Protein backbone atom coordinates (compact mmCIF):
# COMPACT_ATOMS: atom_id res chain seq x y z
CA UNK A 1 30.66 -1.44 25.50
CA UNK A 2 30.66 2.25 26.44
CA UNK A 3 26.92 2.70 25.88
CA UNK A 4 25.84 -0.34 27.89
CA UNK A 5 23.91 -0.21 31.15
CA UNK A 6 27.10 -1.14 33.06
CA UNK A 7 30.78 -0.98 32.11
CA UNK A 8 30.65 -4.72 31.53
CA UNK A 9 27.92 -4.89 28.87
CA UNK A 10 28.25 -6.79 25.62
CA UNK A 11 26.28 -7.89 22.57
CA UNK A 12 27.69 -10.89 20.73
CA UNK A 13 26.42 -12.00 17.32
CA UNK A 14 26.98 -15.46 15.89
CA UNK A 15 25.92 -16.94 12.54
CA UNK A 16 26.15 -20.73 12.62
CA UNK A 17 24.96 -22.08 9.29
CA UNK A 18 21.22 -21.52 8.83
CA UNK A 19 20.67 -19.67 12.09
CA UNK A 20 21.32 -16.22 13.54
CA UNK A 21 22.18 -16.06 17.23
CA UNK A 22 22.51 -12.99 19.44
CA UNK A 23 23.74 -13.03 23.06
CA UNK A 24 22.81 -9.93 25.05
CA UNK A 25 24.30 -9.12 28.46
CA UNK A 26 24.87 -6.03 30.57
CA UNK A 27 26.85 -7.39 33.50
CA UNK A 28 29.34 -10.06 34.48
CA UNK A 29 29.48 -12.45 37.37
CA UNK A 30 30.93 -10.39 40.23
CA UNK A 31 31.67 -12.99 42.91
CA UNK A 32 34.00 -15.19 40.94
CA UNK A 33 37.63 -15.90 40.32
CA UNK A 34 39.08 -12.84 38.62
CA UNK A 35 40.59 -15.05 35.97
CA UNK A 36 37.30 -16.86 35.21
CA UNK A 37 34.46 -14.33 35.20
CA UNK A 38 31.42 -15.31 33.17
CA UNK A 39 28.95 -13.19 31.26
CA UNK A 40 25.36 -13.55 32.43
CA UNK A 41 23.26 -13.30 29.25
CA UNK A 42 20.02 -13.79 27.45
CA UNK A 43 20.20 -15.57 24.10
CA UNK A 44 17.97 -15.25 21.05
CA UNK A 45 18.19 -17.70 18.17
CA UNK A 46 16.21 -17.53 14.94
CA UNK A 47 16.34 -19.30 11.61
CA UNK A 48 17.42 -17.49 8.47
CA UNK A 49 17.17 -18.44 4.84
CA UNK A 50 19.78 -18.26 2.12
CA UNK A 51 17.18 -17.95 -0.65
CA UNK A 52 16.24 -14.69 -2.31
CA UNK A 53 12.74 -13.26 -2.64
CA UNK A 54 10.84 -13.64 -5.91
CA UNK A 55 10.94 -10.43 -7.94
CA UNK A 56 8.48 -8.55 -10.16
CA UNK A 57 5.42 -9.74 -8.21
CA UNK A 58 2.13 -8.66 -9.84
CA UNK A 59 -1.57 -9.46 -9.61
CA UNK A 60 -4.32 -9.35 -12.22
CA UNK A 61 -7.95 -10.26 -12.72
CA UNK A 62 -8.12 -13.62 -14.48
CA UNK A 63 -10.61 -15.91 -16.20
CA UNK A 64 -12.96 -13.11 -17.16
CA UNK A 65 -12.46 -11.38 -13.82
CA UNK A 66 -13.64 -14.30 -11.66
CA UNK A 67 -10.19 -15.18 -10.28
CA UNK A 68 -7.01 -13.45 -9.15
CA UNK A 69 -3.69 -14.45 -10.71
CA UNK A 70 -0.32 -13.77 -9.06
CA UNK A 71 2.83 -13.89 -11.18
CA UNK A 72 6.49 -13.39 -10.34
CA UNK A 73 10.05 -14.03 -11.50
CA UNK A 74 11.81 -16.94 -9.83
CA UNK A 75 14.98 -15.95 -7.90
CA UNK A 76 18.32 -17.35 -9.09
CA UNK A 77 19.07 -19.50 -6.06
CA UNK A 78 20.18 -23.12 -5.92
CA UNK A 79 18.74 -23.33 -2.38
CA UNK A 80 15.19 -22.52 -3.53
CA UNK A 81 12.67 -25.28 -2.79
CA UNK A 82 9.33 -23.49 -2.99
CA UNK A 83 7.07 -20.62 -2.04
CA UNK A 84 4.74 -19.86 0.82
CA UNK A 85 1.87 -17.63 -0.30
CA UNK A 86 0.24 -15.57 2.44
CA UNK A 87 -3.19 -13.97 2.10
CA UNK A 88 -4.96 -11.46 4.32
CA UNK A 89 -8.03 -9.23 4.14
CA UNK A 90 -6.08 -6.16 5.24
CA UNK A 91 -2.57 -4.94 4.55
CA UNK A 92 -1.64 -5.36 8.22
CA UNK A 93 -3.49 -8.65 8.74
CA UNK A 94 -0.91 -11.24 7.65
CA UNK A 95 -0.24 -14.22 9.92
CA UNK A 96 3.21 -15.46 8.94
CA UNK A 97 3.97 -19.11 9.48
CA UNK A 98 0.44 -20.05 8.38
CA UNK A 99 0.48 -19.81 4.56
CA UNK A 100 -2.65 -19.68 2.46
CA UNK A 101 -0.99 -22.16 0.11
CA UNK A 102 2.46 -23.59 -0.65
CA UNK A 103 3.93 -24.19 -4.11
CA UNK A 104 7.04 -26.20 -4.95
CA UNK A 105 9.62 -24.75 -7.33
CA UNK A 106 9.76 -24.18 -10.21
CA UNK A 107 6.65 -22.01 -10.17
CA UNK A 108 6.00 -18.48 -11.38
CA UNK A 109 2.25 -18.06 -10.91
CA UNK A 110 -0.67 -18.86 -8.67
CA UNK A 111 -4.38 -18.51 -9.44
CA UNK A 112 -6.65 -17.95 -6.44
CA UNK A 113 -10.06 -19.14 -7.66
CA UNK A 114 -13.30 -17.16 -7.27
CA UNK A 115 -11.65 -14.23 -5.50
CA UNK A 116 -12.03 -11.68 -8.32
CA UNK A 117 -14.86 -9.35 -9.25
CA UNK A 118 -17.75 -11.47 -7.86
CA UNK A 119 -16.06 -11.83 -4.43
CA UNK A 120 -17.02 -8.94 -2.09
CA UNK A 121 -13.80 -9.08 -0.02
CA UNK A 122 -10.47 -7.29 -0.29
CA UNK A 123 -7.37 -9.48 -0.47
CA UNK A 124 -3.64 -8.89 -0.02
CA UNK A 125 -0.84 -11.33 -0.89
CA UNK A 126 2.85 -11.87 -0.11
CA UNK A 127 4.92 -14.58 -1.82
CA UNK A 128 8.00 -15.80 0.10
CA UNK A 129 10.70 -18.26 -0.95
CA UNK A 130 11.87 -21.05 1.35
CA UNK A 131 14.80 -23.50 1.33
CA UNK A 132 15.23 -27.21 2.07
CA UNK A 133 15.36 -26.54 5.83
CA UNK A 134 12.02 -24.73 5.68
CA UNK A 135 13.70 -21.39 6.35
CA UNK A 136 11.84 -18.53 4.70
CA UNK A 137 13.07 -15.16 3.49
CA UNK A 138 11.19 -12.16 4.87
CA UNK A 139 10.18 -9.87 2.00
CA UNK A 140 7.20 -7.56 2.46
CA UNK A 141 6.28 -7.04 -1.19
CA UNK A 142 2.49 -6.89 -1.24
CA UNK A 143 -0.02 -7.06 -4.08
CA UNK A 144 -3.75 -6.96 -3.67
CA UNK A 145 -7.32 -6.37 -4.66
CA UNK A 146 -9.30 -3.42 -3.28
CA UNK A 147 -12.96 -2.66 -3.96
CA UNK A 148 -14.21 0.91 -4.39
CA UNK A 149 -17.98 1.40 -4.41
CA UNK A 150 -19.19 3.79 -7.10
CA UNK A 151 -22.55 5.55 -7.06
CA UNK A 152 -24.66 7.15 -9.81
CA UNK A 153 -23.25 10.48 -11.02
CA UNK A 154 -20.08 11.87 -9.47
CA UNK A 155 -17.45 9.94 -7.49
CA UNK A 156 -14.04 11.32 -6.44
CA UNK A 157 -11.67 8.37 -6.03
CA UNK A 158 -8.10 7.21 -6.58
CA UNK A 159 -6.48 3.97 -7.70
CA UNK A 160 -4.61 2.83 -4.56
CA UNK A 161 -2.10 0.55 -6.32
CA UNK A 162 0.93 0.78 -8.52
CA UNK A 163 -0.36 -0.55 -11.85
CA UNK A 164 1.23 -2.92 -14.31
CA UNK A 165 -0.85 -1.40 -17.12
CA UNK A 166 -1.67 2.27 -16.54
CA UNK A 167 -3.85 2.88 -19.61
CA UNK A 168 -7.20 4.37 -18.62
CA UNK A 169 -9.13 2.13 -20.99
CA UNK A 170 -7.67 -0.97 -19.35
CA UNK A 171 -7.94 0.19 -15.72
CA UNK A 172 -11.62 1.06 -16.15
CA UNK A 173 -12.39 -1.70 -18.64
CA UNK A 174 -14.76 -3.51 -16.28
CA UNK A 175 -16.92 -0.35 -16.22
CA UNK A 176 -17.19 -0.03 -20.01
CA UNK A 177 -20.54 1.47 -20.98
CA UNK A 178 -21.38 2.38 -17.38
CA UNK A 179 -19.58 5.72 -16.99
CA UNK A 180 -20.03 8.99 -18.83
CA UNK A 181 -16.46 10.20 -18.32
CA UNK A 182 -13.40 10.14 -16.07
CA UNK A 183 -11.44 13.30 -15.26
CA UNK A 184 -8.20 14.33 -13.55
CA UNK A 185 -7.15 17.91 -12.73
CA UNK A 186 -3.69 19.18 -13.71
CA UNK A 187 -2.74 21.70 -11.03
CA UNK A 188 0.14 23.11 -13.08
CA UNK A 189 -2.05 24.19 -15.99
CA UNK A 190 -5.43 24.52 -14.27
CA UNK A 191 -6.91 22.22 -16.91
CA UNK A 192 -8.88 19.00 -16.71
CA UNK A 193 -7.91 15.86 -18.60
CA UNK A 194 -10.85 13.69 -19.63
CA UNK A 195 -11.55 10.18 -20.89
CA UNK A 196 -14.89 8.91 -22.26
CA UNK A 197 -16.16 6.23 -24.62
CA UNK A 198 -14.58 8.06 -27.57
CA UNK A 199 -11.13 8.49 -25.95
CA UNK A 200 -9.59 11.73 -24.71
CA UNK A 201 -6.51 13.30 -23.15
CA UNK A 202 -6.54 11.25 -19.92
CA UNK A 203 -4.84 8.26 -21.51
CA UNK A 204 -3.07 7.00 -18.36
CA UNK A 205 -3.77 7.03 -14.63
CA UNK A 206 -1.68 6.28 -11.54
CA UNK A 207 -1.98 6.10 -7.75
CA UNK A 208 -1.00 9.74 -7.17
CA UNK A 209 -4.04 11.12 -9.02
CA UNK A 210 -7.44 12.15 -7.79
CA UNK A 211 -10.02 10.90 -10.32
CA UNK A 212 -13.57 12.11 -10.89
CA UNK A 213 -15.61 9.17 -12.18
CA UNK A 214 -19.05 10.23 -13.41
CA UNK A 215 -21.25 7.15 -13.62
CA UNK A 216 -24.44 6.85 -15.64
CA UNK A 217 -27.58 6.85 -13.47
CA UNK A 218 -28.56 3.54 -15.06
CA UNK A 219 -25.43 1.88 -13.60
CA UNK A 220 -26.76 2.14 -10.05
CA UNK A 221 -24.44 1.36 -7.16
CA UNK A 222 -21.43 -0.49 -8.57
CA UNK A 223 -18.35 -2.19 -7.10
CA UNK A 224 -15.17 -1.24 -8.95
CA UNK A 225 -12.39 -3.79 -8.36
CA UNK A 226 -8.83 -2.42 -8.43
CA UNK A 227 -5.73 -4.65 -8.41
CA UNK A 228 -2.02 -3.97 -8.31
CA UNK A 229 1.06 -3.56 -6.14
CA UNK A 230 0.81 -1.84 -2.76
CA UNK A 231 3.13 1.19 -3.05
CA UNK A 232 6.19 1.54 -0.88
CA UNK A 233 6.79 5.26 -0.35
CA UNK A 234 4.91 7.59 -2.69
CA UNK A 235 5.90 11.25 -3.14
CA UNK A 236 3.00 13.44 -4.27
CA UNK A 237 3.94 16.99 -5.22
CA UNK A 238 1.57 19.69 -3.98
CA UNK A 239 1.76 22.85 -6.09
CA UNK A 240 1.31 26.52 -5.22
CA UNK A 241 3.04 28.38 -8.06
CA UNK A 242 0.01 29.90 -9.80
CA UNK A 243 -3.57 30.51 -8.57
CA UNK A 244 -4.91 27.41 -10.31
CA UNK A 245 -2.29 25.25 -8.58
CA UNK A 246 -3.52 26.17 -5.10
CA UNK A 247 -6.04 23.35 -5.72
CA UNK A 248 -4.41 19.93 -5.86
CA UNK A 249 -6.61 16.92 -6.73
CA UNK A 250 -4.66 13.90 -5.50
CA UNK A 251 -5.07 10.28 -4.46
CA UNK A 252 -4.61 8.63 -1.08
CA UNK A 253 -2.57 5.50 -1.94
CA UNK A 254 -2.24 4.31 1.65
CA UNK A 255 -3.89 1.02 2.61
CA UNK A 256 -4.48 2.02 6.21
CA UNK A 257 -7.14 4.55 7.22
CA UNK A 258 -5.34 7.47 8.85
CA UNK A 259 -6.85 10.17 11.07
CA UNK A 260 -6.54 13.85 10.26
CA UNK A 261 -4.40 15.89 10.71
CA UNK A 262 -1.89 13.01 11.14
CA UNK A 263 -2.45 11.85 7.55
CA UNK A 264 -1.04 15.18 6.34
CA UNK A 265 1.15 16.51 9.14
CA UNK A 266 3.13 13.31 9.76
CA UNK A 267 4.07 12.97 6.09
CA UNK A 268 5.53 16.32 5.11
CA UNK A 269 2.56 18.71 4.81
CA UNK A 270 2.36 20.29 8.27
CA UNK A 271 1.60 23.99 7.90
CA UNK A 272 1.51 23.81 4.09
CA UNK A 273 -2.24 23.49 3.51
CA UNK A 274 -5.37 25.40 4.53
CA UNK A 275 -8.20 22.99 3.66
CA UNK A 276 -8.94 19.45 2.46
CA UNK A 277 -12.15 18.64 0.60
CA UNK A 278 -13.70 15.29 -0.25
CA UNK A 279 -16.93 14.66 -2.15
CA UNK A 280 -19.29 12.26 -0.36
CA UNK A 281 -21.74 10.85 -2.93
CA UNK A 282 -24.03 9.44 -0.22
CA UNK A 283 -24.77 12.64 1.69
CA UNK A 284 -27.27 14.43 -0.55
CA UNK A 285 -27.70 17.32 1.87
CA UNK A 286 -23.99 18.13 2.14
CA UNK A 287 -21.85 16.30 -0.41
CA UNK A 288 -18.64 18.20 0.36
CA UNK A 289 -16.79 17.27 3.56
CA UNK A 290 -13.81 19.33 4.67
CA UNK A 291 -10.97 19.37 7.11
CA UNK A 292 -9.60 22.66 8.41
CA UNK A 293 -6.30 22.26 10.30
CA UNK A 294 -7.11 25.46 12.19
CA UNK A 295 -10.47 24.05 13.33
CA UNK A 296 -10.12 20.26 13.50
CA UNK A 297 -12.97 19.88 15.99
CA UNK A 298 -15.40 21.60 13.65
CA UNK A 299 -14.37 19.64 10.56
CA UNK A 300 -16.69 16.86 9.35
CA UNK A 301 -13.84 15.09 7.51
CA UNK A 302 -11.91 13.26 10.23
CA UNK A 303 -9.80 10.68 8.36
CA UNK A 304 -8.44 9.70 4.97
CA UNK A 305 -9.27 6.24 3.63
CA UNK A 306 -7.90 4.00 0.89
CA UNK A 307 -9.20 4.93 -2.55
CA UNK A 308 -10.21 8.52 -1.77
CA UNK A 309 -9.60 11.34 -4.24
CA UNK A 310 -9.16 14.57 -2.25
CA UNK A 311 -8.64 18.27 -2.91
CA UNK A 312 -5.80 19.87 -0.95
CA UNK A 313 -5.77 23.66 -0.88
CA UNK A 314 -2.15 24.68 -0.32
CA UNK A 315 -0.62 27.83 1.11
CA UNK A 316 2.84 26.80 -0.11
CA UNK A 317 4.35 24.03 -2.21
CA UNK A 318 5.29 20.75 -0.59
CA UNK A 319 5.80 17.03 -1.07
CA UNK A 320 3.38 14.61 0.57
CA UNK A 321 5.40 11.41 1.23
CA UNK A 322 3.09 8.52 2.07
CA UNK A 323 3.89 4.90 2.93
CA UNK A 324 1.53 2.40 1.32
CA UNK A 325 1.15 0.35 4.48
């Protein structure tokens, strides 16, 4: 290999049945018969599975919101024996090889009891197929539950999941009678879209939107449980065509807290924004927190967190491309 550490390097791949094998070497035995030189190598062997991943994995609140129900489409594979279901409290907290539960095929759903609205924890799930040798495919399709705490009056949030049902009435159904209205700002027109108990123009919501949720004072502090699919890569367009579009009210659909300015600069927005604002409902003396890329040390907003709805003041158009995990 020309790019190896020595002129004698080699990488040899072998696929015997249900296993992958790789032999890695960068030199040969030097003091040997010229006709019988041997490669000195390290070998790595790992199992692989011939089964496909389940598709169309979704999650929903079940049994009146008490439980979580996973559902999927079974893969068309004669080698399929069952599924390992992994659960974690964070999107990067999975311990593979130690499943939360195992189901034998055929199966297209799993109900995790008492993990829904009454449970105060966040949960993330991956469902993986395995074959008769116990070999497991390696998909990273994640669904989950994430709790956003809402406070009386104004909250600026986002739904951090791809949703199976995007209708506003359904997404906020658990808060029926507890909010005055929900709004989203359309940067292209400079107009607000609103939804209240009588309906409105904000008929659908998604994970790219910033959402202003104005709760009734009588609701008190309230946990809002969101469920759905953790996004892969999300492209959020930031506008700057007309004065009203300098202000972009967007979501943060990433399930890992990310420091500023990295949360913007590493994902396509370096040099394209002047300020970020976020409304903190707990700080009554100074609700609005900001980040100024020209004065990061003097900015009280230091990171972006899952479920935030933020205002990005642009100086040019751009696309904010965020991974979900």
